[in-house]
Amino acid sequence: MSGFYHYYFGSTAKCMNIPLINFYHPDKKTRPGLRVGQKSFNRSYVKLLLRSDVFREVSRAYRGRFYQECVE
């Protein structure tokens, strides 16, 4: 599995006792027969992603930088 998913969601998946693959992007190409947890990029998927403290903090920082760039 990708280092990205381990870094951002590994500990959250472990704490929630769910497979890490549940955090995979629904459109991510995976090997044949491997089924991801979500079938679409929807509210429940975003809520799942935001359970990760690390991902949530990075997302907030990015949003702040993006906002500042738009204002400028």
C-alpha atoms as a PDB file:
ATOM      1  CA  MET A   1       0.000   0.000   0.000  1.00  0.00           C
ATOM      2  CA  SER A   2       1.068   3.544  -0.674  1.00  0.00           C
ATOM      3  CA  GLY A   3       3.192   5.354   1.889  1.00  0.00           C
ATOM      4  CA  PHE A   4       0.754   8.267   1.619  1.00  0.00           C
ATOM      5  CA  TYR A   5      -2.106   6.218   3.072  1.00  0.00           C
ATOM      6  CA  HIS A   6       0.090   4.712   5.789  1.00  0.00           C
ATOM      7  CA  TYR A   7       1.359   8.134   6.838  1.00  0.00           C
ATOM      8  CA  TYR A   8      -1.961   9.986   6.893  1.00  0.00           C
ATOM      9  CA  PHE A   9      -4.412   7.236   7.786  1.00  0.00           C
ATOM     10  CA  GLY A  10      -2.525   4.226   9.170  1.00  0.00           C
ATOM     11  CA  SER A  11      -2.925   5.013  12.863  1.00  0.00           C
ATOM     12  CA  THR A  12      -6.531   6.143  12.392  1.00  0.00           C
ATOM     13  CA  ALA A  13      -7.419   2.896  10.627  1.00  0.00           C
ATOM     14  CA  LYS A  14      -5.762   0.942  13.417  1.00  0.00           C
ATOM     15  CA  CYS A  15      -7.600   2.895  16.138  1.00  0.00           C
ATOM     16  CA  MET A  16     -10.913   2.458  14.338  1.00  0.00           C
ATOM     17  CA  ASN A  17     -10.141  -1.225  13.705  1.00  0.00           C
ATOM     18  CA  ILE A  18     -10.900  -0.909   9.984  1.00  0.00           C
ATOM     19  CA  PRO A  19      -8.775  -1.802   6.965  1.00  0.00           C
ATOM     20  CA  LEU A  20      -6.507   0.933   5.630  1.00  0.00           C
ATOM     21  CA  ILE A  21      -7.994   0.356   2.198  1.00  0.00           C
ATOM     22  CA  ASN A  22     -11.194   2.050   3.411  1.00  0.00           C
ATOM     23  CA  PHE A  23      -9.263   5.323   3.139  1.00  0.00           C
ATOM     24  CA  TYR A  24      -8.264   4.770  -0.489  1.00  0.00           C
ATOM     25  CA  HIS A  25      -9.736   7.252  -2.942  1.00  0.00           C
ATOM     26  CA  PRO A  26     -12.768   5.604  -4.595  1.00  0.00           C
ATOM     27  CA  ASP A  27     -11.361   6.240  -8.092  1.00  0.00           C
ATOM     28  CA  LYS A  28      -7.882   4.929  -7.242  1.00  0.00           C
ATOM     29  CA  LYS A  29      -6.791   2.211  -9.619  1.00  0.00           C
ATOM     30  CA  THR A  30      -5.955  -0.894  -7.625  1.00  0.00           C
ATOM     31  CA  ARG A  31      -4.911  -4.360  -8.610  1.00  0.00           C
ATOM     32  CA  PRO A  32      -7.714  -6.518 -10.032  1.00  0.00           C
ATOM     33  CA  GLY A  33     -10.004  -7.921  -7.365  1.00  0.00           C
ATOM     34  CA  LEU A  34      -9.011  -5.392  -4.703  1.00  0.00           C
ATOM     35  CA  ARG A  35     -12.102  -3.530  -3.549  1.00  0.00           C
ATOM     36  CA  VAL A  36     -11.811  -0.156  -1.850  1.00  0.00           C
ATOM     37  CA  GLY A  37     -14.037   0.799   1.090  1.00  0.00           C
ATOM     38  CA  GLN A  38     -15.971   3.604  -0.583  1.00  0.00           C
ATOM     39  CA  LYS A  39     -17.653   3.527  -3.963  1.00  0.00           C
ATOM     40  CA  SER A  40     -17.864   7.298  -4.413  1.00  0.00           C
ATOM     41  CA  PHE A  41     -16.320  10.509  -3.128  1.00  0.00           C
ATOM     42  CA  ASN A  42     -19.164  11.490  -0.837  1.00  0.00           C
ATOM     43  CA  ARG A  43     -19.836  12.988   2.578  1.00  0.00           C
ATOM     44  CA  SER A  44     -19.194   9.785   4.497  1.00  0.00           C
ATOM     45  CA  TYR A  45     -15.831   9.352   2.741  1.00  0.00           C
ATOM     46  CA  VAL A  46     -14.789  12.932   3.588  1.00  0.00           C
ATOM     47  CA  LYS A  47     -15.872  12.419   7.207  1.00  0.00           C
ATOM     48  CA  LEU A  48     -13.749   9.269   7.316  1.00  0.00           C
ATOM     49  CA  LEU A  49     -10.706  11.114   5.952  1.00  0.00           C
ATOM     50  CA  LEU A  50     -11.143  13.895   8.484  1.00  0.00           C
ATOM     51  CA  ARG A  51     -10.947  11.401  11.342  1.00  0.00           C
ATOM     52  CA  SER A  52      -7.181  11.505  10.774  1.00  0.00           C
ATOM     53  CA  ASP A  53      -5.635  14.292  12.868  1.00  0.00           C
ATOM     54  CA  VAL A  54      -2.607  14.505  10.571  1.00  0.00           C
ATOM     55  CA  PHE A  55      -4.680  14.774   7.399  1.00  0.00           C
ATOM     56  CA  ARG A  56      -7.054  17.264   9.007  1.00  0.00           C
ATOM     57  CA  GLU A  57      -4.218  19.585  10.051  1.00  0.00           C
ATOM     58  CA  VAL A  58      -2.543  19.455   6.630  1.00  0.00           C
ATOM     59  CA  SER A  59      -5.905  20.167   4.996  1.00  0.00           C
ATOM     60  CA  ARG A  60      -6.482  23.195   7.235  1.00  0.00           C
ATOM     61  CA  ALA A  61      -3.033  24.579   6.469  1.00  0.00           C
ATOM     62  CA  TYR A  62      -3.578  24.105   2.732  1.00  0.00           C
ATOM     63  CA  ARG A  63      -6.980  25.787   2.907  1.00  0.00           C
ATOM     64  CA  GLY A  64      -5.416  28.763   4.675  1.00  0.00           C
ATOM     65  CA  ARG A  65      -2.660  29.129   2.074  1.00  0.00           C
ATOM     66  CA  PHE A  66      -5.153  28.737  -0.759  1.00  0.00           C
ATOM     67  CA  TYR A  67      -7.403  31.406   0.722  1.00  0.00           C
ATOM     68  CA  GLN A  68      -4.476  33.823   1.127  1.00  0.00           C
ATOM     69  CA  GLU A  69      -3.405  33.276  -2.480  1.00  0.00           C
ATOM     70  CA  CYS A  70      -6.947  33.964  -3.686  1.00  0.00           C
ATOM     71  CA  VAL A  71      -7.153  37.165  -1.643  1.00  0.00           C
ATOM     72  CA  GLU A  72      -3.834  38.395  -3.007  1.00  0.00           C
END
